[in-house]
Amino acid sequence: MELVGFRSRHSVYRLIDCLVAEGLVSKDPQGKLIPHTQNGGVPLLGIVEAGWPSPAEEELKDTITLDEYLIRNKEATYLLMVKGDSMIDAGIMPGDLLIVERGAAVRDGDIVIAQIDREWTIKYFRQRGSKVFLEAANKDYQPLHPTEELNIAAVVRGVVRRYA
């Protein structure tokens, strides 16, 4: 009420309903407001061959936002910046941003954010029978077997890297 100078809560609720209807904000399961992107989508112009070269055809295929492409569960998703080189053979470099989803079901081979014996790390989750451990994507690192505890905080859903 104070922010917009309204004198009644009803006016604030009407304003919020209008913002939701326009797609500028949405509400999470607890009723908190989630702002949406203001700049719209980026044009998807076509497909580029990563194998043998082929004639390029530029054609507007669609317009998508990076959120639509990268994020499955917005309320459970957050970003982390990578420090260290234990996952370089998986294409995850120091300085990259990880898109991670907490609460996701973990499967053997997933890249996870984990707390192992009170230390945080990013590694492959491995399960062999009833045994679980974490494995790096760099031959210079040995697998990590928990001696006390292993808690999986999130599953990595994407990597963002900026060039230049």
Protein backbone atom coordinates (compact mmCIF):
# COMPACT_ATOMS: atom_id res chain seq x y z
CA MET A 1 0.00 0.00 0.00
CA GLU A 2 2.78 2.41 0.95
CA LEU A 3 4.81 1.66 -2.17
CA VAL A 4 2.08 2.73 -4.60
CA GLY A 5 0.25 5.18 -2.34
CA PHE A 6 -2.98 3.19 -2.00
CA ARG A 7 -5.16 3.57 1.07
CA SER A 8 -6.89 0.20 0.93
CA ARG A 9 -5.69 -3.37 0.66
CA HIS A 10 -8.45 -4.12 -1.80
CA SER A 11 -6.83 -1.72 -4.30
CA VAL A 12 -3.51 -3.52 -3.89
CA TYR A 13 -5.18 -6.91 -4.51
CA ARG A 14 -6.82 -5.54 -7.67
CA LEU A 15 -3.47 -4.19 -8.88
CA ILE A 16 -1.80 -7.56 -8.27
CA ASP A 17 -4.61 -9.37 -10.09
CA CYS A 18 -4.05 -7.06 -13.08
CA LEU A 19 -0.29 -7.69 -13.02
CA VAL A 20 -0.88 -11.47 -12.94
CA ALA A 21 -3.43 -11.22 -15.78
CA GLU A 22 -0.92 -9.26 -17.90
CA GLY A 23 1.77 -11.89 -17.27
CA LEU A 24 4.11 -9.46 -15.53
CA VAL A 25 4.13 -11.47 -12.28
CA SER A 26 2.90 -14.82 -11.04
CA LYS A 27 2.38 -16.32 -7.61
CA ASP A 28 4.27 -19.24 -6.12
CA PRO A 29 2.46 -21.91 -4.07
CA GLN A 30 2.86 -19.74 -0.93
CA GLY A 31 1.31 -16.71 -2.66
CA LYS A 32 4.56 -14.76 -3.03
CA LEU A 33 4.98 -12.71 -6.19
CA ILE A 34 7.46 -13.83 -8.86
CA PRO A 35 8.42 -11.16 -11.41
CA HIS A 36 8.60 -12.20 -15.05
CA THR A 37 11.13 -11.08 -17.59
CA GLN A 38 10.49 -7.66 -19.09
CA ASN A 39 12.50 -8.08 -22.28
CA GLY A 40 10.51 -10.91 -23.86
CA GLY A 41 12.01 -13.74 -25.80
CA VAL A 42 14.95 -14.10 -28.12
CA PRO A 43 14.27 -15.17 -31.72
CA LEU A 44 15.09 -18.81 -32.54
CA LEU A 45 16.18 -18.50 -36.17
CA GLY A 46 16.93 -22.07 -37.06
CA ILE A 47 19.33 -24.94 -36.62
CA VAL A 48 23.08 -25.00 -37.19
CA GLU A 49 24.92 -28.22 -38.07
CA ALA A 50 27.58 -29.31 -35.56
CA GLY A 51 28.71 -32.20 -37.77
CA TRP A 52 29.38 -31.83 -41.49
CA PRO A 53 28.62 -28.36 -42.88
CA SER A 54 25.29 -27.92 -44.62
CA PRO A 55 23.55 -24.97 -46.26
CA ALA A 56 22.26 -22.56 -43.62
CA GLU A 57 18.62 -21.60 -43.76
CA GLU A 58 17.71 -18.62 -41.62
CA GLU A 59 14.04 -18.64 -40.81
CA LEU A 60 12.20 -17.44 -37.73
CA LYS A 61 11.28 -20.72 -36.03
CA ASP A 62 9.97 -19.38 -32.74
CA THR A 63 10.57 -16.92 -29.95
CA ILE A 64 11.65 -18.35 -26.62
CA THR A 65 13.04 -17.04 -23.38
CA LEU A 66 16.08 -18.58 -21.77
CA ASP A 67 13.93 -19.33 -18.73
CA GLU A 68 11.55 -21.39 -20.90
CA TYR A 69 14.45 -23.31 -22.40
CA LEU A 70 16.56 -23.87 -19.28
CA ILE A 71 14.22 -23.97 -16.29
CA ARG A 72 11.70 -26.74 -15.59
CA ASN A 73 10.66 -25.83 -12.04
CA LYS A 74 11.15 -22.11 -11.40
CA GLU A 75 10.34 -22.23 -7.68
CA ALA A 76 13.00 -24.89 -7.04
CA THR A 77 15.70 -23.49 -9.37
CA TYR A 78 18.70 -21.35 -8.52
CA LEU A 79 22.16 -20.50 -9.89
CA LEU A 80 25.59 -21.34 -8.52
CA MET A 81 28.98 -20.20 -9.80
CA VAL A 82 31.62 -22.89 -10.33
CA LYS A 83 34.98 -22.74 -8.59
CA GLY A 84 37.56 -25.43 -9.30
CA ASP A 85 38.29 -27.88 -12.09
CA SER A 86 36.93 -31.25 -10.94
CA MET A 87 34.20 -31.29 -13.63
CA ILE A 88 36.09 -30.00 -16.68
CA ASP A 89 35.72 -33.25 -18.64
CA ALA A 90 31.93 -32.83 -18.32
CA GLY A 91 32.28 -29.37 -19.90
CA ILE A 92 31.86 -27.50 -16.61
CA MET A 93 34.57 -24.86 -16.23
CA PRO A 94 35.57 -22.46 -13.45
CA GLY A 95 33.38 -19.35 -13.65
CA ASP A 96 30.45 -21.14 -15.31
CA LEU A 97 26.98 -20.67 -13.86
CA LEU A 98 25.08 -23.83 -12.98
CA ILE A 99 21.32 -24.00 -13.18
CA VAL A 100 20.34 -26.37 -10.40
CA GLU A 101 17.02 -27.75 -9.20
CA ARG A 102 16.55 -28.68 -5.56
CA GLY A 103 14.22 -31.50 -4.62
CA ALA A 104 14.59 -33.28 -7.96
CA ALA A 105 14.78 -37.08 -8.05
CA VAL A 106 18.43 -38.16 -8.29
CA ARG A 107 19.50 -40.93 -10.65
CA ASP A 108 22.82 -42.65 -11.17
CA GLY A 109 24.92 -40.48 -13.49
CA ASP A 110 23.26 -37.16 -12.61
CA ILE A 111 25.54 -34.23 -11.88
CA VAL A 112 24.63 -33.06 -8.38
CA ILE A 113 25.33 -30.44 -5.76
CA ALA A 114 26.09 -32.48 -2.66
CA GLN A 115 27.24 -32.17 0.89
CA ILE A 116 29.59 -35.02 1.69
CA ASP A 117 30.95 -35.24 5.23
CA ARG A 118 30.10 -31.54 5.83
CA GLU A 119 31.84 -30.31 2.63
CA TRP A 120 30.03 -29.00 -0.46
CA THR A 121 30.91 -30.09 -4.00
CA ILE A 122 29.64 -30.72 -7.53
CA LYS A 123 30.18 -34.26 -8.87
CA TYR A 124 28.52 -37.14 -10.68
CA PHE A 125 26.22 -39.15 -8.40
CA ARG A 126 27.04 -42.85 -8.62
CA GLN A 127 25.14 -45.78 -7.16
CA ARG A 128 26.45 -49.35 -7.21
CA GLY A 129 23.99 -51.61 -5.43
CA SER A 130 23.43 -50.12 -1.97
CA LYS A 131 26.68 -48.09 -2.14
CA VAL A 132 26.65 -44.46 -3.26
CA PHE A 133 29.59 -42.17 -3.99
CA LEU A 134 30.53 -39.04 -5.92
CA GLU A 135 32.78 -39.04 -8.98
CA ALA A 136 34.66 -36.16 -10.57
CA ALA A 137 34.93 -35.53 -14.31
CA ASN A 138 38.69 -35.01 -14.09
CA LYS A 139 41.24 -37.83 -13.87
CA ASP A 140 43.22 -35.86 -11.26
CA TYR A 141 40.44 -36.41 -8.66
CA GLN A 142 39.57 -39.66 -6.87
CA PRO A 143 35.96 -40.73 -6.18
CA LEU A 144 34.51 -39.49 -2.89
CA HIS A 145 32.96 -42.10 -0.61
CA PRO A 146 31.05 -40.70 2.38
CA THR A 147 32.38 -41.72 5.79
CA GLU A 148 29.66 -39.91 7.75
CA GLU A 149 26.93 -38.56 5.46
CA LEU A 150 25.97 -37.69 1.91
CA ASN A 151 23.16 -35.21 1.25
CA ILE A 152 22.12 -34.32 -2.29
CA ALA A 153 20.97 -30.69 -2.35
CA ALA A 154 20.20 -30.29 -6.06
CA VAL A 155 20.55 -31.73 -9.55
CA VAL A 156 22.36 -29.72 -12.23
CA ARG A 157 19.99 -28.93 -15.09
CA GLY A 158 22.17 -26.66 -17.21
CA VAL A 159 25.41 -24.74 -17.57
CA VAL A 160 25.74 -21.15 -18.71
CA ARG A 161 29.03 -19.83 -20.01
CA ARG A 162 29.73 -16.37 -21.32
CA TYR A 163 32.45 -15.80 -23.91
CA ALA A 164 34.24 -12.46 -23.89
